[in-house]
Amino acid sequence: MISPKLLYKIFKDQGVSFFTGVPDSLLKEICTYIDENTDSCSHVIASNEGTAIGLAVGHYLGSGKLPLVYLQNSGLGNIVNPILSLCDKEVYSIPLVLLIGWRGEPGIKDEPQHIKQGRVTPSLLESMEVPYKLITRNVNQSIINTKWALETAKKFNCPVALLVQKGSFEKVEEKKIKIKEENNYISREDAISIITENISDKSIIISTTGMISRELYELRTKTQQDRSQDFLTVGSMGHASQIALGIAKANPNKKIVCLDGDGAALMHLGGMATIGTTNVGNLLHIILNNGAHDSVGGQPTIAQKISLTSIAKACSYQNIEGPIKDKNKIVEVIDRLSKLSGISFVEILVKKGARSDLGRPKESPIYNKENFIKNIKH
């Protein structure tokens, strides 16, 4: 395994002066090292992978120096347009290095949403004509490949990728991530429990990818509740709210509840404008804000430095509450908003972290989809 400290030194020695991207579990160690050894002018955790490319391009144009963008391979879809229509050699010919966590690599066990993405990742890069090499457990080869990527990007003024296999990085000693958090915040899992207890048992729930869907699934299992009214958005981070809006428009007489995360909401923030300006549907959009990318290592988001509630107001949601953190207040607000028609919003501040023994859905996504569709037809 390669040391994140060593890889970082190679980047710096070869002229990389700016780092940006969206955190990934396979890149946790190098992302942690970058965050703890780079100032805020030289490192930005972006809202989504496409905006990270924009930041990197801006850095290159403003400084003439090579940037690095890190992402999970599930984020490749978000960078196709800026890579091909902006950075490509046939357009502006922008040099940058992509550090990509290879989830769903063939032969490596992973979650269902990563399997096909992992299988087609090399061919996607090839179709985009982005040259790439691997970072693996083989330290010497990883060093050679890293230097090749940096030299190639600079020599040909083009995007180049390093595809990172699972388990390639050594552990780093992690400093406490600086996230403002009060002791009286409840856990996200407790908040989800309160929500399910105080909405109608006929409500339809759309939950975002990551811990929120896993915690909702565990709660339903623990309480022996019917899971057919829940749609677990196991992939496509940032799109759960739009899925919920689409369902609400197709079923205006049903109560639709979206359990969203702060990182997911930030990823495609424009979706809130679409929700708030709609005039059809009965949707309660709940953002559980812990200021962190919990599912991929706990890296901070900017969500507790801004006001998502104020954004909801600016986007014209009809009924708005937040940010709230007191348990009794959460009960009162959820009970009241769940009974109102129209488009509603609430921001709940919760603790960072999840149970170490938190499970994952046992059924396949297709099974979940088919049960959900059967339920919503009734």
Protein backbone atom coordinates (compact mmCIF):
# COMPACT_ATOMS: atom_id res chain seq x y z
CA MET A 1 0.00 0.00 0.00
CA ILE A 2 1.15 3.51 -0.75
CA SER A 3 1.50 6.18 1.91
CA PRO A 4 -0.83 9.18 1.39
CA LYS A 5 2.05 11.34 2.62
CA LEU A 6 4.31 10.00 -0.14
CA LEU A 7 1.66 10.41 -2.84
CA TYR A 8 0.94 13.96 -1.68
CA LYS A 9 4.66 14.76 -1.82
CA ILE A 10 4.86 13.48 -5.40
CA PHE A 11 1.90 15.67 -6.35
CA LYS A 12 3.51 18.74 -4.78
CA ASP A 13 6.98 18.02 -6.17
CA GLN A 14 5.50 17.68 -9.66
CA GLY A 15 3.78 21.05 -9.47
CA VAL A 16 0.24 20.28 -8.27
CA SER A 17 -0.83 23.38 -6.35
CA PHE A 18 -4.60 22.95 -6.04
CA PHE A 19 -6.83 20.06 -4.89
CA THR A 20 -10.59 19.80 -5.18
CA GLY A 21 -13.26 17.12 -5.48
CA VAL A 22 -15.97 15.10 -3.80
CA PRO A 23 -14.86 12.66 -1.06
CA ASP A 24 -14.90 8.92 -1.67
CA SER A 25 -14.46 6.04 0.78
CA LEU A 26 -11.64 4.48 -1.28
CA LEU A 27 -9.84 7.82 -1.24
CA LYS A 28 -10.52 8.59 2.42
CA GLU A 29 -6.88 8.37 3.51
CA ILE A 30 -5.47 10.62 0.80
CA CYS A 31 -8.42 13.04 1.10
CA THR A 32 -7.82 13.25 4.85
CA TYR A 33 -4.13 13.90 4.34
CA ILE A 34 -4.81 16.59 1.72
CA ASP A 35 -7.37 18.30 3.96
CA GLU A 36 -5.05 18.33 6.98
CA ASN A 37 -1.96 19.53 5.10
CA THR A 38 -3.38 22.04 2.63
CA ASP A 39 -4.88 25.47 3.36
CA SER A 40 -8.34 26.59 2.25
CA CYS A 41 -6.91 28.50 -0.73
CA SER A 42 -5.40 25.30 -2.11
CA HIS A 43 -8.10 22.74 -1.24
CA VAL A 44 -11.86 22.91 -1.76
CA ILE A 45 -14.34 20.09 -1.07
CA ALA A 46 -16.73 20.74 -3.95
CA SER A 47 -20.50 20.33 -3.99
CA ASN A 48 -20.32 17.98 -6.98
CA GLU A 49 -17.75 16.59 -9.35
CA GLY A 50 -18.66 18.89 -12.24
CA THR A 51 -18.14 22.01 -10.13
CA ALA A 52 -14.82 20.55 -9.00
CA ILE A 53 -13.71 20.46 -12.65
CA GLY A 54 -14.77 24.11 -13.00
CA LEU A 55 -12.75 25.06 -9.92
CA ALA A 56 -9.73 23.19 -11.24
CA VAL A 57 -9.98 24.86 -14.64
CA GLY A 58 -10.28 28.25 -12.98
CA HIS A 59 -7.18 27.55 -10.91
CA TYR A 60 -5.19 26.58 -14.00
CA LEU A 61 -6.35 29.64 -15.95
CA GLY A 62 -5.57 31.91 -13.02
CA SER A 63 -2.20 30.44 -12.06
CA GLY A 64 -0.93 28.32 -14.92
CA LYS A 65 -0.38 25.50 -12.42
CA LEU A 66 -1.59 21.90 -12.50
CA PRO A 67 -4.72 21.03 -10.45
CA LEU A 68 -5.92 17.66 -9.14
CA VAL A 69 -9.57 16.56 -8.90
CA TYR A 70 -10.57 13.59 -6.73
CA LEU A 71 -13.85 11.71 -7.03
CA GLN A 72 -15.58 8.35 -6.83
CA ASN A 73 -16.16 6.70 -10.22
CA SER A 74 -19.91 7.14 -9.66
CA GLY A 75 -19.21 10.84 -10.20
CA LEU A 76 -17.87 10.31 -13.72
CA GLY A 77 -21.27 11.23 -15.13
CA ASN A 78 -21.02 14.67 -13.55
CA ILE A 79 -17.69 15.40 -15.25
CA VAL A 80 -18.34 14.11 -18.78
CA ASN A 81 -19.58 17.47 -20.06
CA PRO A 82 -16.89 19.74 -18.54
CA ILE A 83 -14.14 17.28 -19.47
CA LEU A 84 -15.24 16.90 -23.09
CA SER A 85 -16.59 20.39 -23.83
CA LEU A 86 -14.09 22.41 -21.78
CA CYS A 87 -10.90 20.57 -20.87
CA ASP A 88 -10.47 18.37 -23.93
CA LYS A 89 -7.47 18.88 -26.24
CA GLU A 90 -9.87 19.82 -29.04
CA VAL A 91 -11.41 22.64 -27.00
CA TYR A 92 -9.32 24.51 -24.36
CA SER A 93 -6.75 21.77 -23.77
CA ILE A 94 -6.65 22.05 -19.96
CA PRO A 95 -4.17 19.87 -18.04
CA LEU A 96 -5.49 18.27 -14.87
CA VAL A 97 -5.19 14.98 -13.00
CA LEU A 98 -8.26 12.96 -12.00
CA LEU A 99 -7.85 10.74 -8.92
CA ILE A 100 -10.76 8.29 -9.15
CA GLY A 101 -11.84 5.74 -6.55
CA TRP A 102 -12.77 2.54 -8.42
CA ARG A 103 -15.90 1.29 -6.66
CA GLY A 104 -17.39 -1.88 -8.14
CA GLU A 105 -14.12 -3.05 -9.68
CA PRO A 106 -14.79 -6.45 -11.30
CA GLY A 107 -13.97 -9.28 -8.92
CA ILE A 108 -14.26 -7.06 -5.82
CA LYS A 109 -17.45 -7.40 -3.75
CA ASP A 110 -19.41 -4.15 -3.57
CA GLU A 111 -22.92 -2.72 -3.30
CA PRO A 112 -25.33 -3.26 -6.24
CA GLN A 113 -25.30 0.37 -7.37
CA HIS A 114 -21.53 0.18 -7.93
CA ILE A 115 -21.31 -3.09 -9.90
CA LYS A 116 -22.09 -1.89 -13.41
CA GLN A 117 -20.46 1.49 -12.80
CA GLY A 118 -17.29 -0.31 -11.81
CA ARG A 119 -17.41 -2.65 -14.78
CA VAL A 120 -17.74 0.15 -17.35
CA THR A 121 -15.41 2.69 -15.71
CA PRO A 122 -12.33 1.85 -17.84
CA SER A 123 -14.37 1.90 -21.05
CA LEU A 124 -15.92 5.25 -20.07
CA LEU A 125 -12.47 6.77 -19.69
CA GLU A 126 -11.41 5.21 -22.98
CA SER A 127 -14.51 6.56 -24.74
CA MET A 128 -13.72 10.01 -23.36
CA GLU A 129 -10.14 9.53 -24.62
CA VAL A 130 -8.81 10.24 -21.13
CA PRO A 131 -5.56 8.26 -20.68
CA TYR A 132 -5.32 6.46 -17.34
CA LYS A 133 -3.23 4.14 -15.22
CA LEU A 134 -3.84 2.40 -11.87
CA ILE A 135 -2.89 3.04 -8.29
CA THR A 136 -2.71 -0.33 -6.55
CA ARG A 137 -1.15 -1.99 -3.51
CA ASN A 138 2.08 -2.19 -5.51
CA VAL A 139 3.90 0.90 -4.22
CA ASN A 140 6.62 1.10 -6.86
CA GLN A 141 4.22 0.73 -9.76
CA SER A 142 1.83 3.24 -8.19
CA ILE A 143 4.66 5.78 -7.92
CA ILE A 144 5.62 5.19 -11.57
CA ASN A 145 2.00 5.54 -12.68
CA THR A 146 1.47 8.70 -10.64
CA LYS A 147 4.53 10.39 -12.12
CA TRP A 148 3.40 9.29 -15.59
CA ALA A 149 -0.01 10.90 -15.07
CA LEU A 150 1.46 14.19 -13.90
CA GLU A 151 4.00 14.33 -16.71
CA THR A 152 1.43 13.36 -19.35
CA ALA A 153 -1.07 16.01 -18.23
CA LYS A 154 1.61 18.70 -18.41
CA LYS A 155 3.21 17.52 -21.63
CA PHE A 156 0.01 17.19 -23.66
CA ASN A 157 -2.16 19.78 -21.81
CA CYS A 158 -4.99 17.28 -21.25
CA PRO A 159 -6.96 15.53 -18.51
CA VAL A 160 -5.32 12.32 -17.26
CA ALA A 161 -6.73 9.83 -14.74
CA LEU A 162 -5.37 7.66 -11.95
CA LEU A 163 -7.84 4.88 -11.15
CA VAL A 164 -7.49 3.81 -7.52
CA GLN A 165 -8.15 0.19 -6.54
CA LYS A 166 -9.64 -0.69 -3.17
CA GLY A 167 -7.12 -0.91 -0.33
CA SER A 168 -4.37 0.98 -2.13
CA PHE A 169 -3.66 3.49 0.65
CA GLU A 170 -2.08 3.12 4.06
CA LYS A 171 -4.02 4.45 7.03
CA VAL A 172 -3.22 7.96 8.21
CA GLU A 173 -3.61 9.33 11.69
CA GLU A 174 -6.75 11.40 11.45
CA LYS A 175 -7.15 14.64 13.30
CA LYS A 176 -10.58 15.53 14.58
CA ILE A 177 -12.59 16.91 11.69
CA LYS A 178 -13.64 20.45 12.50
CA ILE A 179 -17.42 20.40 12.31
CA LYS A 180 -19.43 22.69 14.51
CA GLU A 181 -21.66 20.40 16.51
CA GLU A 182 -23.54 20.96 19.74
CA ASN A 183 -23.94 18.26 22.36
CA ASN A 184 -27.72 18.50 22.29
CA TYR A 185 -28.08 17.48 18.65
CA ILE A 186 -29.84 14.15 18.35
CA SER A 187 -28.54 11.36 16.15
CA ARG A 188 -29.72 11.13 12.56
CA GLU A 189 -31.14 7.69 13.30
CA ASP A 190 -33.21 9.10 16.18
CA ALA A 191 -34.44 11.89 13.91
CA ILE A 192 -35.57 9.35 11.30
CA SER A 193 -37.38 7.41 14.02
CA ILE A 194 -39.19 10.57 15.15
CA ILE A 195 -40.15 11.37 11.56
CA THR A 196 -41.60 7.92 10.83
CA GLU A 197 -43.54 7.99 14.12
CA ASN A 198 -45.11 11.38 13.41
CA ILE A 199 -46.17 11.12 9.78
CA SER A 200 -49.16 9.22 8.48
CA ASP A 201 -48.56 5.50 8.07
CA LYS A 202 -49.77 5.98 4.50
CA SER A 203 -47.00 8.43 3.68
CA ILE A 204 -44.55 7.53 0.91
CA ILE A 205 -40.86 7.99 1.84
CA ILE A 206 -38.03 8.64 -0.59
CA SER A 207 -34.65 8.41 1.15
CA THR A 208 -31.32 9.63 -0.19
CA THR A 209 -28.28 7.46 -0.83
CA GLY A 210 -25.95 6.40 1.97
CA MET A 211 -26.55 6.28 5.71
CA ILE A 212 -30.07 7.74 5.62
CA SER A 213 -31.45 4.90 3.48
CA ARG A 214 -29.57 2.33 5.55
CA GLU A 215 -30.92 3.76 8.79
CA LEU A 216 -34.49 3.90 7.45
CA TYR A 217 -34.18 0.28 6.34
CA GLU A 218 -32.86 -0.79 9.77
CA LEU A 219 -35.65 1.10 11.53
CA ARG A 220 -38.33 -0.61 9.45
CA THR A 221 -36.72 -3.99 10.17
CA LYS A 222 -36.45 -3.32 13.91
CA THR A 223 -40.07 -2.17 14.23
CA GLN A 224 -41.38 -4.77 11.74
CA GLN A 225 -42.93 -2.04 9.62
CA ASP A 226 -43.86 -2.39 5.95
CA ARG A 227 -40.97 -1.30 3.72
CA SER A 228 -42.98 -1.23 0.49
CA GLN A 229 -43.83 2.45 1.01
CA ASP A 230 -40.13 3.39 1.03
CA PHE A 231 -37.97 4.01 -2.03
CA LEU A 232 -34.32 3.71 -1.05
CA THR A 233 -32.21 5.77 -3.46
CA VAL A 234 -29.11 3.60 -3.14
CA GLY A 235 -27.18 5.44 -5.91
CA SER A 236 -27.40 8.71 -7.88
CA MET A 237 -26.42 10.97 -4.99
CA GLY A 238 -28.25 14.28 -4.95
CA HIS A 239 -31.28 13.18 -6.97
CA ALA A 240 -33.62 11.84 -4.25
CA SER A 241 -35.49 15.14 -3.93
CA GLN A 242 -36.26 15.19 -7.66
CA ILE A 243 -37.39 11.56 -7.56
CA ALA A 244 -39.69 12.55 -4.70
CA LEU A 245 -41.02 15.53 -6.67
CA GLY A 246 -41.71 13.35 -9.70
CA ILE A 247 -43.64 10.89 -7.53
CA ALA A 248 -45.54 13.77 -5.87
CA LYS A 249 -46.60 15.17 -9.22
CA ALA A 250 -47.78 11.75 -10.38
CA ASN A 251 -49.67 11.21 -7.10
CA PRO A 252 -50.99 14.62 -5.96
CA ASN A 253 -53.33 13.06 -3.40
CA LYS A 254 -50.58 11.14 -1.58
CA LYS A 255 -48.21 12.53 1.05
CA ILE A 256 -44.63 12.22 -0.17
CA VAL A 257 -41.75 12.62 2.29
CA CYS A 258 -38.16 13.06 1.11
CA LEU A 259 -35.40 12.25 3.63
CA ASP A 260 -32.43 14.14 2.24
CA GLY A 261 -28.87 14.71 3.42
CA ASP A 262 -26.95 17.98 3.46
CA GLY A 263 -24.20 16.71 1.15
CA ALA A 264 -26.76 15.32 -1.27
CA ALA A 265 -28.81 18.53 -1.23
CA LEU A 266 -25.72 20.64 -1.91
CA MET A 267 -24.69 18.40 -4.79
CA HIS A 268 -27.63 19.50 -6.95
CA LEU A 269 -28.92 22.54 -5.09
CA GLY A 270 -30.87 23.79 -8.09
CA GLY A 271 -33.35 21.02 -7.45
CA MET A 272 -34.72 23.01 -4.51
CA ALA A 273 -35.72 25.80 -6.89
CA THR A 274 -37.62 23.28 -9.01
CA ILE A 275 -39.40 21.89 -5.94
CA GLY A 276 -40.25 25.27 -4.43
CA THR A 277 -41.74 26.70 -7.61
CA THR A 278 -43.95 23.71 -8.39
CA ASN A 279 -47.69 24.03 -7.91
CA VAL A 280 -48.62 20.35 -8.02
CA GLY A 281 -48.02 17.74 -5.37
CA ASN A 282 -47.96 17.20 -1.63
CA LEU A 283 -44.28 16.98 -0.70
CA LEU A 284 -42.44 17.32 2.61
CA HIS A 285 -38.71 17.82 1.96
CA ILE A 286 -36.64 17.08 5.07
CA ILE A 287 -32.89 17.76 5.13
CA LEU A 288 -31.00 16.00 7.92
CA ASN A 289 -27.98 18.28 8.26
CA ASN A 290 -24.91 16.98 10.10
CA GLY A 291 -22.39 19.02 8.11
CA ALA A 292 -20.58 15.93 6.87
CA HIS A 293 -20.22 13.38 4.08
CA ASP A 294 -20.91 10.57 6.55
CA SER A 295 -21.09 7.68 4.09
CA VAL A 296 -17.58 8.14 2.70
CA GLY A 297 -15.52 9.09 5.75
CA GLY A 298 -17.09 12.04 7.53
CA GLN A 299 -15.40 14.82 5.54
CA PRO A 300 -17.04 18.22 6.16
CA THR A 301 -19.63 19.89 3.96
CA ILE A 302 -20.40 23.61 4.04
CA ALA A 303 -24.03 22.99 5.02
CA GLN A 304 -23.68 24.28 8.58
CA LYS A 305 -21.90 27.41 7.34
CA ILE A 306 -24.89 28.47 5.25
CA SER A 307 -28.66 28.43 5.76
CA LEU A 308 -30.45 25.75 3.79
CA THR A 309 -33.67 27.01 5.40
CA SER A 310 -33.10 30.48 3.91
CA ILE A 311 -32.45 28.86 0.54
CA ALA A 312 -35.79 27.03 0.81
CA LYS A 313 -37.48 30.38 1.53
CA ALA A 314 -35.80 31.96 -1.48
CA CYS A 315 -36.95 28.98 -3.58
CA SER A 316 -40.60 29.63 -2.59
CA TYR A 317 -41.43 26.50 -0.57
CA GLN A 318 -44.89 27.07 0.88
CA ASN A 319 -44.35 25.89 4.46
CA ILE A 320 -40.87 26.21 6.00
CA GLU A 321 -39.29 25.34 9.35
CA GLY A 322 -35.71 25.22 10.57
CA PRO A 323 -33.07 24.78 11.38
CA ILE A 324 -34.33 22.82 14.40
CA LYS A 325 -32.49 20.49 16.77
CA ASP A 326 -34.68 20.05 19.87
CA LYS A 327 -36.42 16.67 19.99
CA ASN A 328 -39.76 18.07 21.13
CA LYS A 329 -39.64 20.75 18.45
CA ILE A 330 -38.91 18.12 15.79
CA VAL A 331 -41.94 16.12 16.92
CA GLU A 332 -44.18 19.21 16.81
CA VAL A 333 -42.92 20.40 13.41
CA ILE A 334 -43.09 17.02 11.68
CA ASP A 335 -46.57 16.36 13.04
CA ARG A 336 -47.80 19.76 11.81
CA LEU A 337 -46.11 19.82 8.40
CA SER A 338 -47.12 16.25 7.61
CA LYS A 339 -50.76 17.36 7.86
CA LEU A 340 -50.36 20.35 5.55
CA SER A 341 -50.86 20.16 1.81
CA GLY A 342 -48.50 21.64 -0.75
CA ILE A 343 -44.72 21.89 -0.73
CA SER A 344 -43.07 21.97 2.69
CA PHE A 345 -39.49 22.08 3.98
CA VAL A 346 -37.73 21.43 7.27
CA GLU A 347 -34.03 21.44 8.15
CA ILE A 348 -33.04 19.29 11.14
CA LEU A 349 -29.58 19.56 12.68
CA VAL A 350 -28.25 16.15 13.72
CA LYS A 351 -25.05 14.61 15.05
CA LYS A 352 -22.33 13.37 12.75
CA GLY A 353 -21.69 9.62 12.63
CA ALA A 354 -23.58 6.34 12.57
CA ARG A 355 -23.63 3.04 14.44
CA SER A 356 -20.65 0.82 13.67
CA ASP A 357 -22.99 -2.15 13.24
CA LEU A 358 -25.36 -0.39 10.83
CA GLY A 359 -26.56 -2.89 8.26
CA ARG A 360 -27.41 -2.64 4.59
CA PRO A 361 -30.56 -3.57 2.63
CA LYS A 362 -30.70 -7.31 2.02
CA GLU A 363 -33.12 -7.16 -0.90
CA SER A 364 -32.08 -6.11 -4.40
CA PRO A 365 -32.89 -2.63 -5.75
CA ILE A 366 -35.23 -4.22 -8.30
CA TYR A 367 -37.13 -5.99 -5.52
CA ASN A 368 -37.44 -2.66 -3.69
CA LYS A 369 -38.67 -0.94 -6.86
CA GLU A 370 -41.31 -3.57 -7.67
CA ASN A 371 -42.70 -3.61 -4.13
CA PHE A 372 -42.76 0.17 -4.09
CA ILE A 373 -44.68 0.41 -7.36
CA LYS A 374 -47.23 -2.17 -6.17
CA ASN A 375 -47.75 -0.18 -2.97
CA ILE A 376 -48.14 3.22 -4.60
CA LYS A 377 -50.80 1.95 -7.01
CA HIS A 378 -53.16 1.22 -4.09
